[in-house]
Structure formats: C-alpha cells, structure tokens
Amino acid sequence: METILDLPIENKIFYAVLVFSWTVYLWEAYLAYRQRRTYRSTMHVPQELGKIMDTDTFEKSRLYQLDKSNFSFWSGLYSETEGTSSITKVYFLESFHIFQWFFFFQIFQSLSFLMLATLFSAFTGLPWSIYNTFVIEEKHGFNQQTLGFFLKDAVKKFIVTQCILLPVTSLLLYIIKIGGDFFFIYAWLFTLGVSLVLVTIYADYIAPLFDKFTPLPEGELKEEIESMSKSINFPLTKVYVVEGSKRSSHSNAYFYGFFKNKRIVLFDTLMEDYSPLNKDGEPENVPAEETDTPTEAKAKPKNKKQGCNNPEVLAVLGHELGHWKLGHTVKNIVISQMNSFLCFFLFAVLIGRKELFIAFGFYDSQPTLIGLMIIFQFIFSPYNEVLSFCLTVLSRRFEFQADAFARGMGRASELYSALIKLNKDNLGFPVADWLFSMWHYSHPPLLERLRALGGTKQD
C-alpha cells in the first residue's frame, strides 16, 4: 500500500490542501461549539451586568445569537463541502476546459470561467442568504426588506460586481502576461491603484446604487460634528445620513476619503431622532382620564427609542475619529499593501511550478487565473489564517485606543452609554467564551470596553 511519503509531489499538495481546509473548519466548528455552550448555559444576567442590561434584552440577545450560531454551523458545513468539491481535479479540469472549446485567448477563457464561478456561488448562496434574512433576522425584528427588494438588490450587486471584477481581472492577467520577470511589482501597483480608486468612488458612486444618502440637515448635531472635527484638524467636508433602516435595524457609522476630502456617514438607525423605526407604531399621547383601560396602557408601554441621542452620537464619532487621529487607517492600509506585495512576490516564485497545476488536474496547461486561485486561495491558506488572527488582535488593540481617544475628548460617559445602547439595539450578547472571543472578535467584548472607559456609572 502506497504511503503518504511515497506519493508524487502533486498528490501531496492536493491532500495537504484538503486536510488543512478541513482542519480549519473543525477548529472553527469547535470554537463555535464552545460559544453555543456559553449561550445555552448563561441563562441569567450576570451580576456584573445587572445595572446595564435588563433580563428581557439579555434573553432576546441570547436566543438571537444562538440562532445565528446554529445557522452558521449548517451554512459553514455546506460551504466547506462545496469548497472541497471545488478543489477536486474534476471540478477545475472540466469547468475550465469547457471554455477552451469556445474561446481561443486565455484571458477570455479565464473571464468566462470567473463569471461562471461567481454565478454558481451567487445561486448556491442565495437560499442561505434568504433564510438568514427572512427567517433569523425577521424572527428577531431586524429585517426591514421585502423579498422583491432583496432579490432586486441581489441582482444589482451581482451586476455591479461583474462590472468591476471582470475588467480588473482581465487587466491584471494582461499585466502578469506582459510584465516579464518583475510582473509582480506591476501587478501589485495595479491592485494598489484599483483599491485606492474603489475606496475613493465607493461611497459617492457605488453605495448610492443600493442605499439613499442625504446630507445631514443643518442643526445642533451637524454643528457639533463640525466643531469636534475642527478641534482635532479632521478635514471634514460633508456629513451624510444613509437610509440603512430600509434593510435592517442594525446601526453603524464610518468615514471615508483621502487627504483633505473626508466625509462622515451615519446610519439613520444610529440616531434616535432620525431613525424611522422610532416612528413606526408610536402610540398617540392620550390623557389617562380619556381612556377606560389604564391598566392595559401600563401593560404595553411604548418601546424605548432605538439609537443614540446627540451627545452619544458625538461620542461614537469621537471613537471613529480616534482611528484617524491615531493613524489606524493608514497603518491598516500599509499592512494590507505589504501583505499584497509579499503575496504577489511569492506568486511569482511559485507560478512556474507545474506540480501545483497537476495537483488540480491541469496536466497540459497552466492558466494564470487558475494559478492565482490555487496559490492565493489554497497554498497561502495557512499563512492567511495566521495573518487573520494577528489582524484580529491588532484590531482589538486599535479599538481600545480609539475608546481612550474619545475618553480623552471628555466623552467617556456618553460613549459608555452609547456602547450599552448599541449593544442592546443590535442584541449583542455580552458574555463570550474566552477562546472564541480571542480568535474571532475584532472588537473587544462589551464589558472589557466599559471597564477600560473607567466604569462610568449610568443611571
């Protein structure tokens, strides 16, 4: 019987990729199991959380996160099984070689294969996305979409993705083909330029295709945002409100832009005065003497407003601006581009190794696109896992630093209460398994952030 050491090098490569992929999946499944065990066993609000989280919200968040974790298990199992099929020789060999009958030029073959692969991924992922949106998110009160809106959005995303992906890929393949011995430098510079262009145009030209952006109206909040930006020399030019409530009741805020053209985007669900969700079903103020059922009115009190008040919104923005002031954005870009350059350099070293292609069924040809997929997705996978963990650790460090920056601006109390509100609005579960948290959480758990802010008491 043939031993592993006696196998040809291409077979060793194939089985190593397969084994590592399933090892990562089993590791992730084990971490998720530990976290689900935490969800199931933590039935009551811990004493430390008693003053910041009521029992009803705690139970809702526990059930929400448990449903998400169970869904993630089954969708992850499917994705891993599908991924296994994608790295078999038959999948690559047959699906790519089909196009060699129709197209002569390799770039056209590659683009046709890429379109087929992304279309297949979109169709196979659609049922999972529908279930997540219209069963889990709907069940827990987050989904605001209709099925028609969802499907239209999915089609629009696919078209926009193809309009960007296909031209960029074709140019990248062409650069690799004509670049000579130093093609990896030109390929890296090209992807750097593309990423900078996309970051620049995304919020102005791409995001508005999916969501409505409107300037923040003149008023106290806008004046305070401009004043805070000016105090730290943040070159703010515009403040937008995005209509995130038509999709979900989750909330967010971010800034974008280069050099002297920075813009801030606030989700309408972040601000209690702007969120349409606070206006849905609001009961009219009826005097007690004009109703015959005072006990019923007490039994169904008006739900607490979603989102944050203006001082809390400013504290959240203080945190986000802290990322800019402390150079976190630039550091992330530098790390990303260093990694990109390294990967292209290693790709240049490995692309000539025929055994990599033979391992996946390409005996007579070495298509550049397939080489990119094999090397970046499969051969680099151990490196990618280590890098992902290191970036997660770094992200948590940056989050603590940004919180400290907001505290230094005198907004500790407001950020403290904002974090609690946002955690409640998004049904974040405040108790996490230490190993799951360490591996996955790019943001520190709620209690750690509150402790770092100094334990400011909120009445």
Protein backbone atom coordinates (compact mmCIF):
# COMPACT_ATOMS: atom_id res chain seq x y z
CA MET A 1 0.00 0.00 0.00
CA GLU A 2 1.33 3.37 -1.01
CA THR A 3 2.33 5.56 1.93
CA ILE A 4 1.94 9.32 2.04
CA LEU A 5 5.70 9.83 1.71
CA ASP A 6 5.77 7.72 -1.43
CA LEU A 7 3.06 9.75 -3.17
CA PRO A 8 4.01 12.07 -6.05
CA ILE A 9 4.53 15.69 -5.01
CA GLU A 10 1.34 16.83 -6.76
CA ASN A 11 -0.71 14.32 -4.75
CA LYS A 12 0.92 15.51 -1.54
CA ILE A 13 -0.01 19.08 -2.42
CA PHE A 14 -3.62 18.15 -3.14
CA TYR A 15 -4.11 16.16 0.06
CA ALA A 16 -2.31 18.77 2.16
CA VAL A 17 -4.69 21.46 0.88
CA LEU A 18 -7.68 19.24 1.55
CA VAL A 19 -6.57 18.25 5.05
CA PHE A 20 -5.70 21.81 6.06
CA SER A 21 -9.05 23.11 4.82
CA TRP A 22 -10.97 20.61 6.93
CA THR A 23 -8.66 21.18 9.90
CA VAL A 24 -9.51 24.89 9.84
CA TYR A 25 -13.20 24.07 9.52
CA LEU A 26 -13.09 21.67 12.50
CA TRP A 27 -11.22 24.27 14.55
CA GLU A 28 -13.83 26.90 13.71
CA ALA A 29 -16.63 24.41 14.48
CA TYR A 30 -15.04 23.65 17.86
CA LEU A 31 -14.83 27.35 18.72
CA ALA A 32 -18.46 27.85 17.68
CA TYR A 33 -19.47 24.88 19.83
CA ARG A 34 -17.78 26.48 22.85
CA GLN A 35 -19.66 29.73 22.22
CA ARG A 36 -23.00 27.93 21.75
CA ARG A 37 -22.37 26.21 25.06
CA THR A 38 -21.96 29.67 26.60
CA TYR A 39 -25.26 30.81 25.05
CA ARG A 40 -27.08 27.76 26.40
CA SER A 41 -25.60 27.79 29.89
CA THR A 42 -25.77 31.53 30.63
CA MET A 43 -29.49 31.77 31.33
CA HIS A 44 -29.46 34.75 33.69
CA VAL A 45 -27.92 38.19 33.60
CA PRO A 46 -24.53 38.05 35.36
CA GLN A 47 -24.36 40.19 38.46
CA GLU A 48 -21.80 42.50 36.87
CA LEU A 49 -24.28 43.29 34.09
CA GLY A 50 -27.28 43.81 36.32
CA LYS A 51 -27.23 47.62 36.12
CA ILE A 52 -26.71 47.87 32.37
CA MET A 53 -28.85 45.09 30.87
CA ASP A 54 -32.38 44.01 31.73
CA THR A 55 -33.48 40.38 31.77
CA ASP A 56 -35.73 40.69 28.71
CA THR A 57 -32.99 42.16 26.49
CA PHE A 58 -30.48 39.61 27.78
CA GLU A 59 -32.78 36.71 26.87
CA LYS A 60 -33.54 38.17 23.44
CA SER A 61 -29.85 38.58 22.68
CA ARG A 62 -29.09 35.08 23.92
CA LEU A 63 -31.71 33.49 21.65
CA TYR A 64 -30.70 35.67 18.69
CA GLN A 65 -27.04 34.76 18.94
CA LEU A 66 -27.91 31.09 19.48
CA ASP A 67 -30.00 31.06 16.29
CA LYS A 68 -27.19 32.77 14.38
CA SER A 69 -24.65 30.27 15.67
CA ASN A 70 -26.79 27.27 14.73
CA PHE A 71 -27.33 28.72 11.26
CA SER A 72 -23.60 29.40 10.93
CA PHE A 73 -22.86 25.75 11.71
CA TRP A 74 -25.01 24.38 8.90
CA SER A 75 -24.07 27.05 6.37
CA GLY A 76 -20.40 26.54 7.27
CA LEU A 77 -20.69 22.80 6.78
CA TYR A 78 -22.26 23.34 3.37
CA SER A 79 -19.59 25.88 2.39
CA GLU A 80 -16.80 23.52 3.40
CA THR A 81 -18.37 20.64 1.47
CA GLU A 82 -18.79 22.87 -1.56
CA GLY A 83 -15.23 24.08 -1.16
CA THR A 84 -13.99 20.51 -1.10
CA SER A 85 -15.71 19.85 -4.39
CA SER A 86 -14.11 22.99 -5.83
CA ILE A 87 -10.58 21.74 -5.15
CA THR A 88 -11.06 18.35 -6.76
CA LYS A 89 -9.46 17.79 -10.13
CA VAL A 90 -12.75 17.12 -11.89
CA TYR A 91 -14.26 20.49 -10.92
CA PHE A 92 -11.33 22.59 -12.09
CA LEU A 93 -10.48 20.48 -15.11
CA GLU A 94 -13.94 20.17 -16.56
CA SER A 95 -15.36 23.62 -15.78
CA PHE A 96 -12.34 25.50 -17.11
CA HIS A 97 -11.62 23.31 -20.13
CA ILE A 98 -15.20 23.69 -21.34
CA PHE A 99 -14.36 27.28 -22.32
CA GLN A 100 -11.27 26.24 -24.26
CA TRP A 101 -13.64 24.89 -26.89
CA PHE A 102 -15.28 28.29 -27.30
CA PHE A 103 -12.53 30.83 -26.82
CA PHE A 104 -9.04 30.96 -28.18
CA PHE A 105 -7.48 33.60 -25.96
CA GLN A 106 -6.68 32.61 -22.37
CA ILE A 107 -8.00 35.88 -20.92
CA PHE A 108 -11.42 35.29 -22.46
CA GLN A 109 -11.36 31.72 -21.16
CA SER A 110 -10.45 32.97 -17.69
CA LEU A 111 -13.15 35.65 -17.60
CA SER A 112 -15.79 33.16 -18.75
CA PHE A 113 -14.70 30.73 -16.04
CA LEU A 114 -14.70 33.51 -13.44
CA MET A 115 -18.21 34.62 -14.38
CA LEU A 116 -19.44 31.04 -14.20
CA ALA A 117 -17.81 30.54 -10.79
CA THR A 118 -19.27 33.74 -9.32
CA LEU A 119 -22.70 32.98 -10.81
CA PHE A 120 -22.61 29.49 -9.32
CA SER A 121 -21.58 30.93 -5.94
CA ALA A 122 -24.39 33.51 -6.09
CA PHE A 123 -27.04 30.88 -6.83
CA THR A 124 -25.86 28.38 -4.23
CA GLY A 125 -25.54 31.10 -1.60
CA LEU A 126 -28.93 32.65 -2.30
CA PRO A 127 -31.06 30.16 -0.28
CA TRP A 128 -28.79 30.59 2.73
CA SER A 129 -28.96 34.37 2.46
CA ILE A 130 -32.76 34.28 2.12
CA TYR A 131 -33.08 32.07 5.20
CA ASN A 132 -30.76 34.28 7.22
CA THR A 133 -32.63 37.45 6.24
CA PHE A 134 -36.26 36.31 6.21
CA VAL A 135 -36.17 33.71 8.98
CA ILE A 136 -33.48 34.60 11.52
CA GLU A 137 -33.29 38.38 11.10
CA GLU A 138 -37.07 38.58 10.63
CA LYS A 139 -37.73 36.47 13.73
CA HIS A 140 -35.64 38.76 15.89
CA GLY A 141 -37.02 42.02 14.49
CA PHE A 142 -34.09 43.23 12.39
CA ASN A 143 -35.16 42.62 8.81
CA GLN A 144 -36.88 45.52 7.04
CA GLN A 145 -36.72 44.16 3.47
CA THR A 146 -39.37 42.63 1.26
CA LEU A 147 -38.49 39.59 -0.84
CA GLY A 148 -38.78 41.65 -4.02
CA PHE A 149 -36.40 44.30 -2.70
CA PHE A 150 -33.98 41.59 -1.56
CA LEU A 151 -33.90 39.81 -4.94
CA LYS A 152 -33.59 43.06 -6.86
CA ASP A 153 -30.72 44.03 -4.59
CA ALA A 154 -29.01 40.66 -5.15
CA VAL A 155 -29.22 41.04 -8.94
CA LYS A 156 -27.90 44.60 -8.72
CA LYS A 157 -24.98 43.50 -6.56
CA PHE A 158 -24.09 40.73 -8.97
CA ILE A 159 -24.12 43.08 -11.97
CA VAL A 160 -22.05 45.74 -10.22
CA THR A 161 -19.58 43.10 -9.04
CA GLN A 162 -19.15 41.76 -12.57
CA CYS A 163 -18.70 45.28 -13.96
CA ILE A 164 -15.77 45.77 -11.59
CA LEU A 165 -14.37 42.24 -11.31
CA LEU A 166 -14.12 41.30 -14.98
CA PRO A 167 -12.27 44.39 -16.29
CA VAL A 168 -9.93 44.44 -13.28
CA THR A 169 -9.17 40.72 -13.64
CA SER A 170 -8.56 40.99 -17.38
CA LEU A 171 -6.10 43.87 -16.87
CA LEU A 172 -4.36 42.01 -14.05
CA LEU A 173 -3.96 38.90 -16.21
CA TYR A 174 -2.62 41.02 -19.06
CA ILE A 175 -0.10 42.72 -16.76
CA ILE A 176 1.10 39.35 -15.50
CA LYS A 177 1.42 38.12 -19.09
CA ILE A 178 3.49 41.04 -20.41
CA GLY A 179 5.25 42.10 -17.20
CA GLY A 180 8.35 39.97 -17.58
CA ASP A 181 10.44 38.96 -14.58
CA PHE A 182 9.18 41.86 -12.47
CA PHE A 183 5.47 41.45 -13.24
CA PHE A 184 4.74 41.06 -9.52
CA ILE A 185 5.73 44.69 -8.93
CA TYR A 186 3.46 45.95 -11.71
CA ALA A 187 0.62 43.67 -10.56
CA TRP A 188 0.95 44.98 -7.01
CA LEU A 189 0.99 48.60 -8.15
CA PHE A 190 -2.07 47.93 -10.30
CA THR A 191 -4.07 46.38 -7.43
CA LEU A 192 -2.95 49.22 -5.16
CA GLY A 193 -4.28 51.76 -7.65
CA VAL A 194 -7.56 49.85 -8.08
CA SER A 195 -8.10 49.65 -4.31
CA LEU A 196 -7.46 53.38 -3.87
CA VAL A 197 -9.85 54.25 -6.70
CA LEU A 198 -12.57 51.97 -5.31
CA VAL A 199 -12.21 53.43 -1.81
CA THR A 200 -12.47 56.92 -3.33
CA ILE A 201 -15.54 56.31 -5.51
CA TYR A 202 -17.40 53.71 -3.45
CA ALA A 203 -19.42 56.00 -1.21
CA ASP A 204 -20.10 58.55 -3.96
CA TYR A 205 -20.91 56.33 -6.92
CA ILE A 206 -21.34 52.69 -5.87
CA ALA A 207 -23.05 52.76 -2.47
CA PRO A 208 -25.80 55.17 -3.68
CA LEU A 209 -26.85 52.48 -6.17
CA PHE A 210 -28.06 50.48 -3.17
CA ASP A 211 -28.86 53.00 -0.43
CA LYS A 212 -30.10 56.56 -0.25
CA PHE A 213 -27.56 59.10 1.04
CA THR A 214 -28.74 62.53 2.14
CA PRO A 215 -26.76 65.39 3.71
CA LEU A 216 -27.25 65.71 7.45
CA PRO A 217 -29.66 68.65 7.94
CA GLU A 218 -28.40 71.86 9.44
CA GLY A 219 -28.78 71.89 13.19
CA GLU A 220 -27.14 71.29 16.53
CA LEU A 221 -25.81 67.81 15.71
CA LYS A 222 -24.14 68.91 12.47
CA GLU A 223 -22.61 71.94 14.17
CA GLU A 224 -21.25 69.78 16.98
CA ILE A 225 -19.78 67.28 14.48
CA GLU A 226 -18.08 70.06 12.55
CA SER A 227 -16.78 71.62 15.75
CA MET A 228 -15.39 68.31 17.02
CA SER A 229 -13.74 67.60 13.65
CA LYS A 230 -12.15 71.04 13.62
CA SER A 231 -10.80 70.58 17.16
CA ILE A 232 -8.63 67.65 16.00
CA ASN A 233 -7.92 69.03 12.50
CA PHE A 234 -10.02 66.36 10.79
CA PRO A 235 -10.60 67.72 7.23
CA LEU A 236 -14.35 67.12 7.16
CA THR A 237 -16.17 68.24 4.01
CA LYS A 238 -19.60 66.58 4.25
CA VAL A 239 -21.78 64.59 6.64
CA TYR A 240 -24.28 62.12 5.21
CA VAL A 241 -27.15 60.08 6.62
CA VAL A 242 -27.66 56.72 4.91
CA GLU A 243 -31.09 55.10 4.89
CA GLY A 244 -29.99 51.82 6.43
CA SER A 245 -33.41 51.28 8.00
CA LYS A 246 -34.90 50.07 4.71
CA ARG A 247 -32.71 46.96 5.04
CA SER A 248 -32.16 46.35 8.70
CA SER A 249 -32.43 47.93 12.11
CA HIS A 250 -28.72 47.34 12.76
CA SER A 251 -26.70 50.56 13.03
CA ASN A 252 -23.27 51.81 12.03
CA ALA A 253 -21.11 54.87 11.29
CA TYR A 254 -17.94 55.37 9.28
CA PHE A 255 -15.80 57.93 7.47
CA TYR A 256 -14.03 57.77 4.13
CA GLY A 257 -11.94 59.82 1.73
CA PHE A 258 -8.31 60.77 1.25
CA PHE A 259 -6.25 63.78 2.19
CA LYS A 260 -8.37 66.94 2.60
CA ASN A 261 -11.65 65.39 1.47
CA LYS A 262 -13.02 63.41 4.43
CA ARG A 263 -16.69 62.58 4.77
CA ILE A 264 -18.69 61.05 7.60
CA VAL A 265 -21.60 58.65 7.06
CA LEU A 266 -24.16 58.00 9.79
CA PHE A 267 -26.80 55.28 9.58
CA ASP A 268 -30.26 56.65 10.32
CA THR A 269 -30.71 53.76 12.77
CA LEU A 270 -27.79 55.10 14.82
CA MET A 271 -29.61 58.33 15.71
CA GLU A 272 -32.78 58.18 17.76
CA ASP A 273 -34.02 61.46 16.29
CA TYR A 274 -33.63 60.24 12.69
CA SER A 275 -34.44 56.53 12.83
CA PRO A 276 -37.79 55.82 11.08
CA LEU A 277 -38.06 52.75 13.29
CA ASN A 278 -38.81 55.04 16.24
CA LYS A 279 -41.76 56.49 14.33
CA ASP A 280 -43.39 53.18 13.42
CA GLY A 281 -46.32 52.36 15.57
CA GLU A 282 -45.79 55.12 18.09
CA PRO A 283 -48.91 55.42 20.22
CA GLU A 284 -50.59 58.76 20.44
CA ASN A 285 -50.38 60.56 23.74
CA VAL A 286 -53.82 60.00 25.21
CA PRO A 287 -54.56 61.56 28.62
CA ALA A 288 -55.25 58.98 31.30
CA GLU A 289 -58.69 60.38 32.08
CA GLU A 290 -59.79 59.85 28.45
CA THR A 291 -59.14 56.11 28.41
CA ASP A 292 -61.07 53.36 30.11
CA THR A 293 -58.15 50.93 30.17
CA PRO A 294 -55.30 52.44 32.15
CA THR A 295 -54.02 49.04 33.23
CA GLU A 296 -53.73 47.91 29.59
CA ALA A 297 -51.75 51.02 28.74
CA LYS A 298 -49.31 50.22 31.51
CA ALA A 299 -49.05 46.63 30.35
CA LYS A 300 -47.96 47.77 26.87
CA PRO A 301 -45.61 50.71 27.38
CA LYS A 302 -44.03 52.44 24.44
CA ASN A 303 -40.80 50.75 23.43
CA LYS A 304 -37.64 52.60 24.27
CA LYS A 305 -36.25 54.56 21.35
CA GLN A 306 -33.69 52.91 19.14
CA GLY A 307 -30.35 54.59 18.60
CA CYS A 308 -28.37 57.21 20.46
CA ASN A 309 -29.02 60.79 21.46
CA ASN A 310 -26.83 63.55 20.05
CA PRO A 311 -24.11 63.52 22.77
CA GLU A 312 -23.84 59.74 22.38
CA VAL A 313 -23.61 60.01 18.58
CA LEU A 314 -20.78 62.51 19.05
CA ALA A 315 -19.04 60.08 21.40
CA VAL A 316 -19.30 57.31 18.80
CA LEU A 317 -17.86 59.67 16.19
CA GLY A 318 -15.12 60.61 18.67
CA HIS A 319 -14.19 56.94 18.71
CA GLU A 320 -14.21 56.75 14.89
CA LEU A 321 -12.18 59.93 14.54
CA GLY A 322 -9.75 58.46 17.04
CA HIS A 323 -8.95 55.76 14.49
CA TRP A 324 -7.99 58.52 12.04
CA LYS A 325 -6.07 60.67 14.52
CA LEU A 326 -4.08 57.71 15.84
CA GLY A 327 -3.18 56.59 12.33
CA HIS A 328 -5.05 53.29 12.47
CA THR A 329 -6.43 53.70 8.95
CA VAL A 330 -3.01 54.38 7.47
CA LYS A 331 -1.47 51.52 9.43
CA ASN A 332 -4.10 49.10 8.14
CA ILE A 333 -3.50 50.26 4.56
CA VAL A 334 0.27 49.82 4.96
CA ILE A 335 -0.15 46.33 6.43
CA SER A 336 -2.57 45.38 3.66
CA GLN A 337 -0.25 46.57 0.91
CA MET A 338 2.81 44.94 2.45
CA ASN A 339 0.89 41.69 2.56
CA SER A 340 -0.30 42.18 -1.03
CA PHE A 341 3.26 42.79 -2.26
CA LEU A 342 4.54 39.72 -0.41
CA CYS A 343 1.79 37.55 -1.89
CA PHE A 344 2.47 38.72 -5.43
CA PHE A 345 6.20 38.13 -4.94
CA LEU A 346 5.59 34.57 -3.70
CA PHE A 347 3.13 34.06 -6.53
CA ALA A 348 5.90 34.99 -8.98
CA VAL A 349 8.15 32.40 -7.33
CA LEU A 350 5.54 29.63 -7.41
CA ILE A 351 3.66 30.22 -10.68
CA GLY A 352 6.23 28.25 -12.68
CA ARG A 353 5.83 25.10 -10.58
CA LYS A 354 3.95 22.66 -12.81
CA GLU A 355 3.16 20.33 -9.90
CA LEU A 356 0.79 22.94 -8.47
CA PHE A 357 -1.32 22.78 -11.63
CA ILE A 358 -1.02 19.00 -11.99
CA ALA A 359 -2.31 18.64 -8.42
CA PHE A 360 -5.60 20.14 -9.55
CA GLY A 361 -5.89 18.39 -12.88
CA PHE A 362 -4.09 20.76 -15.28
CA TYR A 363 -1.56 18.49 -16.95
CA ASP A 364 -1.13 20.26 -20.28
CA SER A 365 -1.81 23.92 -19.47
CA GLN A 366 -1.10 26.46 -16.75
CA PRO A 367 -3.81 29.17 -16.91
CA THR A 368 -2.79 32.26 -14.97
CA LEU A 369 -6.22 32.69 -13.35
CA ILE A 370 -6.13 29.11 -12.06
CA GLY A 371 -2.63 29.76 -10.77
CA LEU A 372 -3.89 32.81 -8.89
CA MET A 373 -6.72 30.78 -7.35
CA ILE A 374 -4.53 27.83 -6.40
CA ILE A 375 -1.75 29.90 -4.85
CA PHE A 376 -3.71 32.72 -3.20
CA GLN A 377 -6.65 30.61 -2.00
CA PHE A 378 -5.09 27.22 -1.25
CA ILE A 379 -1.31 27.38 -0.95
CA PHE A 380 -1.41 30.59 1.10
CA SER A 381 -4.24 29.38 3.36
CA PRO A 382 -2.03 28.58 6.43
CA TYR A 383 -0.39 32.00 6.13
CA ASN A 384 -3.79 33.65 5.69
CA GLU A 385 -5.11 32.05 8.89
CA VAL A 386 -2.15 33.28 10.93
CA LEU A 387 -2.38 36.75 9.40
CA SER A 388 -6.13 36.93 10.07
CA PHE A 389 -5.61 36.12 13.75
CA CYS A 390 -2.82 38.71 14.08
CA LEU A 391 -5.02 41.37 12.45
CA THR A 392 -7.86 40.47 14.83
CA VAL A 393 -5.55 41.01 17.80
CA LEU A 394 -4.35 44.29 16.32
CA SER A 395 -7.92 45.43 15.66
CA ARG A 396 -8.88 44.92 19.30
CA ARG A 397 -5.88 46.96 20.36
CA PHE A 398 -6.92 49.74 17.98
CA GLU A 399 -10.47 49.69 19.37
CA PHE A 400 -9.22 50.20 22.93
CA GLN A 401 -7.03 53.05 21.75
CA ALA A 402 -9.93 54.71 19.90
CA ASP A 403 -12.10 54.40 23.03
CA ALA A 404 -9.31 56.01 25.05
CA PHE A 405 -9.13 58.83 22.49
CA ALA A 406 -12.87 59.52 22.89
CA ARG A 407 -12.40 59.45 26.66
CA GLY A 408 -9.59 61.98 26.30
CA MET A 409 -12.03 64.25 24.47
CA GLY A 410 -14.19 64.22 27.60
CA ARG A 411 -16.83 61.86 26.16
CA ALA A 412 -16.29 58.77 28.34
CA SER A 413 -19.75 58.90 29.93
CA GLU A 414 -21.53 59.37 26.61
CA LEU A 415 -19.51 56.59 24.93
CA TYR A 416 -20.23 54.32 27.88
CA SER A 417 -23.97 54.77 27.49
CA ALA A 418 -23.75 54.63 23.67
CA LEU A 419 -21.98 51.26 23.77
CA ILE A 420 -24.70 49.90 26.05
CA LYS A 421 -27.48 51.21 23.81
CA LEU A 422 -25.87 49.90 20.62
CA ASN A 423 -25.31 46.52 22.23
CA LYS A 424 -29.00 46.39 23.17
CA ASP A 425 -30.21 47.63 19.77
CA ASN A 426 -28.13 45.03 17.95
CA LEU A 427 -28.86 42.28 20.52
CA GLY A 428 -25.20 41.69 21.19
CA PHE A 429 -24.63 39.00 23.82
CA PRO A 430 -22.22 40.38 26.42
CA VAL A 431 -20.82 37.02 27.60
CA ALA A 432 -18.28 35.26 25.40
CA ASP A 433 -16.13 32.16 25.62
CA TRP A 434 -12.56 33.36 26.04
CA LEU A 435 -11.13 31.25 23.22
CA PHE A 436 -13.92 32.12 20.76
CA SER A 437 -13.53 35.78 21.63
CA MET A 438 -9.77 35.72 21.26
CA TRP A 439 -9.94 34.12 17.81
CA HIS A 440 -12.91 35.93 16.31
CA TYR A 441 -13.67 39.26 18.00
CA SER A 442 -12.16 42.18 16.12
CA HIS A 443 -13.86 44.41 18.72
CA PRO A 444 -13.37 43.77 22.45
CA PRO A 445 -16.37 42.37 24.37
CA LEU A 446 -18.69 44.99 25.85
CA LEU A 447 -17.63 44.54 29.48
CA GLU A 448 -13.94 44.92 28.65
CA ARG A 449 -14.62 48.19 26.82
CA LEU A 450 -16.76 49.53 29.66
CA ARG A 451 -14.08 48.66 32.23
CA ALA A 452 -11.44 50.39 30.10
CA LEU A 453 -13.60 53.52 29.98
CA GLY A 454 -13.33 53.68 33.76
CA GLY A 455 -16.60 52.09 34.86
CA THR A 456 -18.59 55.29 34.46
CA LYS A 457 -21.93 54.74 36.13
CA GLN A 458 -25.09 55.28 34.18
CA ASP A 459 -28.37 55.78 35.95
